[in-house]
């Protein structure tokens, strides 16, 4: 099975606060609230209804984070931070700097 990921998709972390929230918990794994993260890929374990986004955290580590902790980002969002390279890339994509 193959999955297509649209290029230039960004997410923000909105960690679930339930006792059985999927692990790892992103805010305990080097991710920050108010930060945009580019989706690098998608992993769906075979015979599972679970899906994980492949993201790079604030320490340049690659993590598989449950999609249940992620929300799609539509640029520009005031107050949402991303790296200068990601901001420039997004600005080129939408046609202006923010």
PDB file of N, CA and C in Angstrom:
ATOM      1  N   UNK A   1       0.834  -1.176   0.000  1.00  0.00           N
ATOM      2  CA  UNK A   1       0.000   0.000   0.000  1.00  0.00           C
ATOM      3  C   UNK A   1       0.883   1.246   0.000  1.00  0.00           C
ATOM      4  N   UNK A   2       0.552   2.218  -0.826  1.00  0.00           N
ATOM      5  CA  UNK A   2       1.304   3.461  -0.819  1.00  0.00           C
ATOM      6  C   UNK A   2       0.368   4.609  -0.484  1.00  0.00           C
ATOM      7  N   UNK A   3       0.924   5.636   0.080  1.00  0.00           N
ATOM      8  CA  UNK A   3       0.154   6.808   0.469  1.00  0.00           C
ATOM      9  C   UNK A   3       0.827   8.030  -0.105  1.00  0.00           C
ATOM     10  N   UNK A   4       0.048   8.918  -0.667  1.00  0.00           N
ATOM     11  CA  UNK A   4       0.575  10.149  -1.230  1.00  0.00           C
ATOM     12  C   UNK A   4       0.386  11.268  -0.218  1.00  0.00           C
ATOM     13  N   UNK A   5       1.432  12.041   0.023  1.00  0.00           N
ATOM     14  CA  UNK A   5       1.367  13.214   0.889  1.00  0.00           C
ATOM     15  C   UNK A   5       1.557  14.437   0.014  1.00  0.00           C
ATOM     16  N   UNK A   6       0.623  15.339   0.089  1.00  0.00           N
ATOM     17  CA  UNK A   6       0.718  16.593  -0.661  1.00  0.00           C
ATOM     18  C   UNK A   6       1.935  17.362  -0.158  1.00  0.00           C
ATOM     19  N   UNK A   7       2.758  17.908  -1.054  1.00  0.00           N
ATOM     20  CA  UNK A   7       3.915  18.694  -0.604  1.00  0.00           C
ATOM     21  C   UNK A   7       3.470  19.953   0.130  1.00  0.00           C
ATOM     22  N   UNK A   8       4.331  20.444   0.989  1.00  0.00           N
ATOM     23  CA  UNK A   8       4.119  21.703   1.707  1.00  0.00           C
ATOM     24  C   UNK A   8       2.926  21.682   2.652  1.00  0.00           C
ATOM     25  N   UNK A   9       2.682  20.545   3.282  1.00  0.00           N
ATOM     26  CA  UNK A   9       1.643  20.459   4.303  1.00  0.00           C
ATOM     27  C   UNK A   9       2.307  20.684   5.652  1.00  0.00           C
ATOM     28  N   UNK A  10       1.719  21.573   6.435  1.00  0.00           N
ATOM     29  CA  UNK A  10       2.233  21.892   7.763  1.00  0.00           C
ATOM     30  C   UNK A  10       1.170  21.594   8.805  1.00  0.00           C
ATOM     31  N   UNK A  11       1.626  21.191   9.991  1.00  0.00           N
ATOM     32  CA  UNK A  11       0.717  20.926  11.101  1.00  0.00           C
ATOM     33  C   UNK A  11       1.209  21.671  12.339  1.00  0.00           C
ATOM     34  N   UNK A  12       0.293  21.839  13.268  1.00  0.00           N
ATOM     35  CA  UNK A  12       0.634  22.339  14.591  1.00  0.00           C
ATOM     36  C   UNK A  12       0.255  21.249  15.579  1.00  0.00           C
ATOM     37  N   UNK A  13       0.897  21.268  16.718  1.00  0.00           N
ATOM     38  CA  UNK A  13       0.643  20.253  17.732  1.00  0.00           C
ATOM     39  C   UNK A  13      -0.480  20.719  18.646  1.00  0.00           C
ATOM     40  N   UNK A  14      -1.467  19.866  18.810  1.00  0.00           N
ATOM     41  CA  UNK A  14      -2.520  20.077  19.791  1.00  0.00           C
ATOM     42  C   UNK A  14      -2.665  18.742  20.518  1.00  0.00           C
ATOM     43  N   UNK A  15      -1.837  18.576  21.535  1.00  0.00           N
ATOM     44  CA  UNK A  15      -1.738  17.295  22.213  1.00  0.00           C
ATOM     45  C   UNK A  15      -3.050  16.917  22.888  1.00  0.00           C
ATOM     46  N   UNK A  16      -3.477  15.681  22.678  1.00  0.00           N
ATOM     47  CA  UNK A  16      -4.667  15.175  23.354  1.00  0.00           C
ATOM     48  C   UNK A  16      -4.392  15.069  24.841  1.00  0.00           C
ATOM     49  N   UNK A  17      -5.370  15.404  25.625  1.00  0.00           N
ATOM     50  CA  UNK A  17      -5.200  15.369  27.084  1.00  0.00           C
ATOM     51  C   UNK A  17      -6.106  14.315  27.699  1.00  0.00           C
ATOM     52  N   UNK A  18      -6.109  13.145  27.107  1.00  0.00           N
ATOM     53  CA  UNK A  18      -6.900  12.040  27.634  1.00  0.00           C
ATOM     54  C   UNK A  18      -5.959  11.003  28.228  1.00  0.00           C
ATOM     55  N   UNK A  19      -6.448  10.204  29.180  1.00  0.00           N
ATOM     56  CA  UNK A  19      -5.567   9.202  29.807  1.00  0.00           C
ATOM     57  C   UNK A  19      -4.969   8.206  28.808  1.00  0.00           C
ATOM     58  N   UNK A  20      -5.691   7.901  27.749  1.00  0.00           N
ATOM     59  CA  UNK A  20      -5.181   6.923  26.787  1.00  0.00           C
ATOM     60  C   UNK A  20      -4.765   7.587  25.472  1.00  0.00           C
ATOM     61  N   UNK A  21      -4.240   8.812  25.563  1.00  0.00           N
ATOM     62  CA  UNK A  21      -3.747   9.514  24.369  1.00  0.00           C
ATOM     63  C   UNK A  21      -2.599   8.710  23.756  1.00  0.00           C
ATOM     64  N   UNK A  22      -2.523   8.677  22.426  1.00  0.00           N
ATOM     65  CA  UNK A  22      -1.458   7.904  21.781  1.00  0.00           C
ATOM     66  C   UNK A  22      -0.070   8.413  22.156  1.00  0.00           C
ATOM     67  N   UNK A  23       0.843   7.494  22.299  1.00  0.00           N
ATOM     68  CA  UNK A  23       2.227   7.799  22.620  1.00  0.00           C
ATOM     69  C   UNK A  23       3.061   7.740  21.357  1.00  0.00           C
ATOM     70  N   UNK A  24       4.143   8.494  21.248  1.00  0.00           N
ATOM     71  CA  UNK A  24       4.687   9.425  22.234  1.00  0.00           C
ATOM     72  C   UNK A  24       3.865  10.716  22.298  1.00  0.00           C
ATOM     73  N   UNK A  25       3.935  11.364  23.459  1.00  0.00           N
ATOM     74  CA  UNK A  25       3.299  12.666  23.613  1.00  0.00           C
ATOM     75  C   UNK A  25       4.234  13.711  23.013  1.00  0.00           C
ATOM     76  N   UNK A  26       3.778  14.451  22.014  1.00  0.00           N
ATOM     77  CA  UNK A  26       4.680  15.363  21.302  1.00  0.00           C
ATOM     78  C   UNK A  26       5.314  16.444  22.173  1.00  0.00           C
ATOM     79  N   UNK A  27       4.558  17.001  23.114  1.00  0.00           N
ATOM     80  CA  UNK A  27       5.108  18.087  23.925  1.00  0.00           C
ATOM     81  C   UNK A  27       6.163  17.585  24.909  1.00  0.00           C
ATOM     82  N   UNK A  28       6.253  16.279  25.086  1.00  0.00           N
ATOM     83  CA  UNK A  28       7.307  15.676  25.905  1.00  0.00           C
ATOM     84  C   UNK A  28       8.430  15.116  25.030  1.00  0.00           C
ATOM     85  N   UNK A  29       8.330  15.336  23.722  1.00  0.00           N
ATOM     86  CA  UNK A  29       9.272  14.735  22.781  1.00  0.00           C
ATOM     87  C   UNK A  29       9.952  15.767  21.883  1.00  0.00           C
ATOM     88  N   UNK A  30      10.074  16.996  22.386  1.00  0.00           N
ATOM     89  CA  UNK A  30      10.827  18.000  21.646  1.00  0.00           C
ATOM     90  C   UNK A  30      10.013  18.853  20.692  1.00  0.00           C
ATOM     91  N   UNK A  31       8.685  18.787  20.770  1.00  0.00           N
ATOM     92  CA  UNK A  31       7.819  19.638  19.959  1.00  0.00           C
ATOM     93  C   UNK A  31       7.262  20.754  20.826  1.00  0.00           C
ATOM     94  N   UNK A  32       6.828  21.856  20.194  1.00  0.00           N
ATOM     95  CA  UNK A  32       6.337  23.027  20.917  1.00  0.00           C
ATOM     96  C   UNK A  32       4.961  23.429  20.401  1.00  0.00           C
ATOM     97  N   UNK A  33       4.156  23.972  21.302  1.00  0.00           N
ATOM     98  CA  UNK A  33       2.892  24.572  20.873  1.00  0.00           C
ATOM     99  C   UNK A  33       3.228  25.868  20.155  1.00  0.00           C
ATOM    100  N   UNK A  34       2.400  26.260  19.199  1.00  0.00           N
ATOM    101  CA  UNK A  34       2.624  27.510  18.492  1.00  0.00           C
ATOM    102  C   UNK A  34       3.707  27.435  17.441  1.00  0.00           C
ATOM    103  N   UNK A  35       4.115  26.246  17.067  1.00  0.00           N
ATOM    104  CA  UNK A  35       5.157  26.034  16.066  1.00  0.00           C
ATOM    105  C   UNK A  35       4.553  25.253  14.907  1.00  0.00           C
ATOM    106  N   UNK A  36       4.897  25.612  13.687  1.00  0.00           N
ATOM    107  CA  UNK A  36       4.455  24.863  12.507  1.00  0.00           C
ATOM    108  C   UNK A  36       5.513  23.831  12.156  1.00  0.00           C
ATOM    109  N   UNK A  37       5.081  22.623  11.827  1.00  0.00           N
ATOM    110  CA  UNK A  37       5.991  21.544  11.462  1.00  0.00           C
ATOM    111  C   UNK A  37       5.598  21.003  10.089  1.00  0.00           C
ATOM    112  N   UNK A  38       6.571  20.905   9.190  1.00  0.00           N
ATOM    113  CA  UNK A  38       6.302  20.365   7.868  1.00  0.00           C
ATOM    114  C   UNK A  38       6.130  18.850   7.960  1.00  0.00           C
ATOM    115  N   UNK A  39       5.124  18.330   7.293  1.00  0.00           N
ATOM    116  CA  UNK A  39       4.894  16.888   7.261  1.00  0.00           C
ATOM    117  C   UNK A  39       5.887  16.275   6.275  1.00  0.00           C
ATOM    118  N   UNK A  40       6.738  15.389   6.781  1.00  0.00           N
ATOM    119  CA  UNK A  40       7.748  14.739   5.952  1.00  0.00           C
ATOM    120  C   UNK A  40       7.241  13.448   5.336  1.00  0.00           C
ATOM    121  N   UNK A  41       6.232  12.852   5.976  1.00  0.00           N
ATOM    122  CA  UNK A  41       5.696  11.592   5.465  1.00  0.00           C
ATOM    123  C   UNK A  41       4.578  11.092   6.352  1.00  0.00           C
ATOM    124  N   UNK A  42       4.068   9.929   6.001  1.00  0.00           N
ATOM    125  CA  UNK A  42       2.973   9.285   6.722  1.00  0.00           C
ATOM    126  C   UNK A  42       3.312   7.817   6.879  1.00  0.00           C
ATOM    127  N   UNK A  43       3.071   7.279   8.078  1.00  0.00           N
ATOM    128  CA  UNK A  43       3.297   5.857   8.335  1.00  0.00           C
ATOM    129  C   UNK A  43       2.001   5.263   8.865  1.00  0.00           C
ATOM    130  N   UNK A  44       1.555   4.201   8.219  1.00  0.00           N
ATOM    131  CA  UNK A  44       0.366   3.480   8.667  1.00  0.00           C
ATOM    132  C   UNK A  44       0.789   2.029   8.873  1.00  0.00           C
ATOM    133  N   UNK A  45       0.900   1.596  10.140  1.00  0.00           N
ATOM    134  CA  UNK A  45       1.288   0.204  10.379  1.00  0.00           C
ATOM    135  C   UNK A  45       0.279  -0.750   9.728  1.00  0.00           C
ATOM    136  N   UNK A  46       0.765  -1.845   9.179  1.00  0.00           N
ATOM    137  CA  UNK A  46      -0.143  -2.789   8.541  1.00  0.00           C
ATOM    138  C   UNK A  46      -1.130  -3.343   9.565  1.00  0.00           C
ATOM    139  N   UNK A  47      -2.306  -3.651   9.108  1.00  0.00           N
ATOM    140  CA  UNK A  47      -3.371  -4.208   9.949  1.00  0.00           C
ATOM    141  C   UNK A  47      -3.713  -3.299  11.122  1.00  0.00           C
ATOM    142  N   UNK A  48      -3.684  -1.978  10.883  1.00  0.00           N
ATOM    143  CA  UNK A  48      -3.959  -1.023  11.953  1.00  0.00           C
ATOM    144  C   UNK A  48      -4.766   0.138  11.391  1.00  0.00           C
ATOM    145  N   UNK A  49      -5.604   0.709  12.222  1.00  0.00           N
ATOM    146  CA  UNK A  49      -6.325   1.911  11.814  1.00  0.00           C
ATOM    147  C   UNK A  49      -5.594   3.162  12.276  1.00  0.00           C
ATOM    148  N   UNK A  50      -4.437   2.994  12.901  1.00  0.00           N
ATOM    149  CA  UNK A  50      -3.648   4.120  13.389  1.00  0.00           C
ATOM    150  C   UNK A  50      -2.793   4.685  12.256  1.00  0.00           C
ATOM    151  N   UNK A  51      -2.548   5.998  12.335  1.00  0.00           N
ATOM    152  CA  UNK A  51      -1.672   6.646  11.353  1.00  0.00           C
ATOM    153  C   UNK A  51      -0.760   7.618  12.089  1.00  0.00           C
ATOM    154  N   UNK A  52       0.467   7.719  11.624  1.00  0.00           N
ATOM    155  CA  UNK A  52       1.461   8.582  12.243  1.00  0.00           C
ATOM    156  C   UNK A  52       2.072   9.490  11.189  1.00  0.00           C
ATOM    157  N   UNK A  53       2.191  10.777  11.517  1.00  0.00           N
ATOM    158  CA  UNK A  53       2.900  11.710  10.651  1.00  0.00           C
ATOM    159  C   UNK A  53       4.373  11.669  11.011  1.00  0.00           C
ATOM    160  N   UNK A  54       5.210  11.769  10.018  1.00  0.00           N
ATOM    161  CA  UNK A  54       6.645  11.839  10.251  1.00  0.00           C
ATOM    162  C   UNK A  54       7.001  13.317  10.283  1.00  0.00           C
ATOM    163  N   UNK A  55       7.492  13.766  11.452  1.00  0.00           N
ATOM    164  CA  UNK A  55       7.805  15.176  11.681  1.00  0.00           C
ATOM    165  C   UNK A  55       9.203  15.323  12.242  1.00  0.00           C
ATOM    166  N   UNK A  56       9.814  16.481  12.007  1.00  0.00           N
ATOM    167  CA  UNK A  56      11.111  16.821  12.601  1.00  0.00           C
ATOM    168  C   UNK A  56      10.827  17.736  13.785  1.00  0.00           C
ATOM    169  N   UNK A  57      11.352  17.363  14.969  1.00  0.00           N
ATOM    170  CA  UNK A  57      11.104  18.187  16.155  1.00  0.00           C
ATOM    171  C   UNK A  57      12.089  19.354  16.242  1.00  0.00           C
ATOM    172  N   UNK A  58      12.016  20.092  17.343  1.00  0.00           N
ATOM    173  CA  UNK A  58      12.845  21.283  17.531  1.00  0.00           C
ATOM    174  C   UNK A  58      14.339  20.960  17.665  1.00  0.00           C
ATOM    175  N   UNK A  59      14.675  19.678  17.857  1.00  0.00           N
ATOM    176  CA  UNK A  59      16.068  19.256  18.000  1.00  0.00           C
ATOM    177  C   UNK A  59      16.551  18.488  16.772  1.00  0.00           C
ATOM    178  N   UNK A  60      15.826  18.651  15.652  1.00  0.00           N
ATOM    179  CA  UNK A  60      16.166  17.990  14.385  1.00  0.00           C
ATOM    180  C   UNK A  60      16.131  16.471  14.474  1.00  0.00           C
ATOM    181  N   UNK A  61      15.287  15.938  15.367  1.00  0.00           N
ATOM    182  CA  UNK A  61      15.077  14.497  15.471  1.00  0.00           C
ATOM    183  C   UNK A  61      13.804  14.149  14.695  1.00  0.00           C
ATOM    184  N   UNK A  62      13.800  12.996  14.049  1.00  0.00           N
ATOM    185  CA  UNK A  62      12.623  12.549  13.317  1.00  0.00           C
ATOM    186  C   UNK A  62      11.751  11.712  14.248  1.00  0.00           C
ATOM    187  N   UNK A  63      10.442  12.025  14.282  1.00  0.00           N
ATOM    188  CA  UNK A  63       9.504  11.326  15.148  1.00  0.00           C
ATOM    189  C   UNK A  63       8.275  10.909  14.359  1.00  0.00           C
ATOM    190  N   UNK A  64       7.659   9.832  14.792  1.00  0.00           N
ATOM    191  CA  UNK A  64       6.379   9.374  14.272  1.00  0.00           C
ATOM    192  C   UNK A  64       5.330   9.798  15.296  1.00  0.00           C
ATOM    193  N   UNK A  65       4.520  10.795  14.955  1.00  0.00           N
ATOM    194  CA  UNK A  65       3.540  11.364  15.882  1.00  0.00           C
ATOM    195  C   UNK A  65       2.132  11.028  15.387  1.00  0.00           C
ATOM    196  N   UNK A  66       1.300  10.552  16.293  1.00  0.00           N
ATOM    197  CA  UNK A  66      -0.071  10.196  15.939  1.00  0.00           C
ATOM    198  C   UNK A  66      -0.790  11.388  15.322  1.00  0.00           C
ATOM    199  N   UNK A  67      -1.554  11.121  14.266  1.00  0.00           N
ATOM    200  CA  UNK A  67      -2.314  12.189  13.616  1.00  0.00           C
ATOM    201  C   UNK A  67      -3.337  12.797  14.574  1.00  0.00           C
ATOM    202  N   UNK A  68      -3.664  12.103  15.637  1.00  0.00           N
ATOM    203  CA  UNK A  68      -4.647  12.617  16.598  1.00  0.00           C
ATOM    204  C   UNK A  68      -4.112  13.805  17.392  1.00  0.00           C
ATOM    205  N   UNK A  69      -2.791  14.005  17.384  1.00  0.00           N
ATOM    206  CA  UNK A  69      -2.166  15.147  18.071  1.00  0.00           C
ATOM    207  C   UNK A  69      -1.928  16.327  17.125  1.00  0.00           C
ATOM    208  N   UNK A  70      -2.279  16.204  15.852  1.00  0.00           N
ATOM    209  CA  UNK A  70      -1.890  17.198  14.843  1.00  0.00           C
ATOM    210  C   UNK A  70      -3.108  17.867  14.211  1.00  0.00           C
ATOM    211  N   UNK A  71      -2.944  19.151  13.914  1.00  0.00           N
ATOM    212  CA  UNK A  71      -3.973  19.932  13.217  1.00  0.00           C
ATOM    213  C   UNK A  71      -3.312  20.621  12.026  1.00  0.00           C
ATOM    214  N   UNK A  72      -3.993  20.658  10.897  1.00  0.00           N
ATOM    215  CA  UNK A  72      -3.462  21.276   9.681  1.00  0.00           C
ATOM    216  C   UNK A  72      -3.319  22.777   9.881  1.00  0.00           C
ATOM    217  N   UNK A  73      -2.236  23.346   9.358  1.00  0.00           N
ATOM    218  CA  UNK A  73      -1.976  24.781   9.416  1.00  0.00           C
ATOM    219  C   UNK A  73      -2.222  25.374   8.038  1.00  0.00           C
ATOM    220  N   UNK A  74      -2.998  26.436   8.003  1.00  0.00           N
ATOM    221  CA  UNK A  74      -3.178  27.226   6.781  1.00  0.00           C
ATOM    222  C   UNK A  74      -2.429  28.530   6.994  1.00  0.00           C
ATOM    223  N   UNK A  75      -1.358  28.759   6.223  1.00  0.00           N
ATOM    224  CA  UNK A  75      -0.582  29.992   6.373  1.00  0.00           C
ATOM    225  C   UNK A  75      -1.339  31.139   5.760  1.00  0.00           C
ATOM    226  N   UNK A  76      -1.190  32.357   6.204  1.00  0.00           N
ATOM    227  CA  UNK A  76      -0.468  32.732   7.409  1.00  0.00           C
ATOM    228  C   UNK A  76      -1.382  32.721   8.635  1.00  0.00           C
ATOM    229  N   UNK A  77      -0.828  32.349   9.764  1.00  0.00           N
ATOM    230  CA  UNK A  77      -1.536  32.419  11.033  1.00  0.00           C
ATOM    231  C   UNK A  77      -0.692  33.278  11.955  1.00  0.00           C
ATOM    232  N   UNK A  78      -1.238  34.388  12.382  1.00  0.00           N
ATOM    233  CA  UNK A  78      -0.502  35.319  13.232  1.00  0.00           C
ATOM    234  C   UNK A  78      -0.135  34.634  14.544  1.00  0.00           C
ATOM    235  N   UNK A  79       1.103  34.793  14.961  1.00  0.00           N
ATOM    236  CA  UNK A  79       1.569  34.236  16.215  1.00  0.00           C
ATOM    237  C   UNK A  79       2.104  32.817  16.100  1.00  0.00           C
ATOM    238  N   UNK A  80       1.897  32.162  14.958  1.00  0.00           N
ATOM    239  CA  UNK A  80       2.423  30.818  14.777  1.00  0.00           C
ATOM    240  C   UNK A  80       3.831  30.928  14.240  1.00  0.00           C
ATOM    241  N   UNK A  81       4.764  30.230  14.859  1.00  0.00           N
ATOM    242  CA  UNK A  81       6.171  30.348  14.503  1.00  0.00           C
ATOM    243  C   UNK A  81       6.595  29.177  13.630  1.00  0.00           C
ATOM    244  N   UNK A  82       7.492  29.426  12.713  1.00  0.00           N
ATOM    245  CA  UNK A  82       8.155  28.374  11.965  1.00  0.00           C
ATOM    246  C   UNK A  82       9.573  28.856  11.683  1.00  0.00           C
ATOM    247  N   UNK A  83      10.417  27.944  11.276  1.00  0.00           N
ATOM    248  CA  UNK A  83      11.810  28.318  11.035  1.00  0.00           C
ATOM    249  C   UNK A  83      11.874  29.300   9.869  1.00  0.00           C
ATOM    250  N   UNK A  84      12.951  30.106   9.782  1.00  0.00           N
ATOM    251  CA  UNK A  84      13.068  31.060   8.676  1.00  0.00           C
ATOM    252  C   UNK A  84      12.958  30.400   7.307  1.00  0.00           C
ATOM    253  N   UNK A  85      13.558  29.240   7.145  1.00  0.00           N
ATOM    254  CA  UNK A  85      13.472  28.542   5.865  1.00  0.00           C
ATOM    255  C   UNK A  85      12.049  28.119   5.546  1.00  0.00           C
ATOM    256  N   UNK A  86      11.342  27.590   6.568  1.00  0.00           N
ATOM    257  CA  UNK A  86       9.947  27.200   6.362  1.00  0.00           C
ATOM    258  C   UNK A  86       9.086  28.422   6.085  1.00  0.00           C
ATOM    259  N   UNK A  87       9.362  29.535   6.769  1.00  0.00           N
ATOM    260  CA  UNK A  87       8.579  30.762   6.575  1.00  0.00           C
ATOM    261  C   UNK A  87       8.782  31.285   5.155  1.00  0.00           C
ATOM    262  N   UNK A  88      10.034  31.287   4.676  1.00  0.00           N
ATOM    263  CA  UNK A  88      10.325  31.752   3.321  1.00  0.00           C
ATOM    264  C   UNK A  88       9.650  30.833   2.306  1.00  0.00           C
ATOM    265  N   UNK A  89       9.762  29.531   2.538  1.00  0.00           N
ATOM    266  CA  UNK A  89       9.145  28.570   1.630  1.00  0.00           C
ATOM    267  C   UNK A  89       7.634  28.781   1.585  1.00  0.00           C
ATOM    268  N   UNK A  90       7.013  28.964   2.727  1.00  0.00           N
ATOM    269  CA  UNK A  90       5.568  29.195   2.780  1.00  0.00           C
ATOM    270  C   UNK A  90       5.220  30.524   2.129  1.00  0.00           C
ATOM    271  N   UNK A  91       6.052  31.548   2.338  1.00  0.00           N
ATOM    272  CA  UNK A  91       5.791  32.862   1.749  1.00  0.00           C
ATOM    273  C   UNK A  91       5.851  32.789   0.228  1.00  0.00           C
ATOM    274  N   UNK A  92       6.820  32.047  -0.296  1.00  0.00           N
ATOM    275  CA  UNK A  92       6.902  31.882  -1.742  1.00  0.00           C
ATOM    276  C   UNK A  92       5.658  31.174  -2.270  1.00  0.00           C
ATOM    277  N   UNK A  93       5.174  30.213  -1.480  1.00  0.00           N
ATOM    278  CA  UNK A  93       4.020  29.425  -1.895  1.00  0.00           C
ATOM    279  C   UNK A  93       2.756  30.268  -1.908  1.00  0.00           C
ATOM    280  N   UNK A  94       2.589  31.151  -0.918  1.00  0.00           N
ATOM    281  CA  UNK A  94       1.356  31.936  -0.857  1.00  0.00           C
ATOM    282  C   UNK A  94       1.527  33.331  -1.422  1.00  0.00           C
ATOM    283  N   UNK A  95       2.772  33.722  -1.767  1.00  0.00           N
ATOM    284  CA  UNK A  95       2.980  34.961  -2.481  1.00  0.00           C
ATOM    285  C   UNK A  95       3.291  36.181  -1.643  1.00  0.00           C
ATOM    286  N   UNK A  96       3.463  36.056  -0.338  1.00  0.00           N
ATOM    287  CA  UNK A  96       3.849  37.200   0.477  1.00  0.00           C
ATOM    288  C   UNK A  96       4.467  36.752   1.789  1.00  0.00           C
ATOM    289  N   UNK A  97       5.206  37.652   2.417  1.00  0.00           N
ATOM    290  CA  UNK A  97       5.813  37.366   3.722  1.00  0.00           C
ATOM    291  C   UNK A  97       4.851  37.742   4.819  1.00  0.00           C
ATOM    292  N   UNK A  98       4.959  37.060   5.946  1.00  0.00           N
ATOM    293  CA  UNK A  98       4.114  37.380   7.081  1.00  0.00           C
ATOM    294  C   UNK A  98       4.937  37.588   8.300  1.00  0.00           C
TER     295      UNK A  98
END
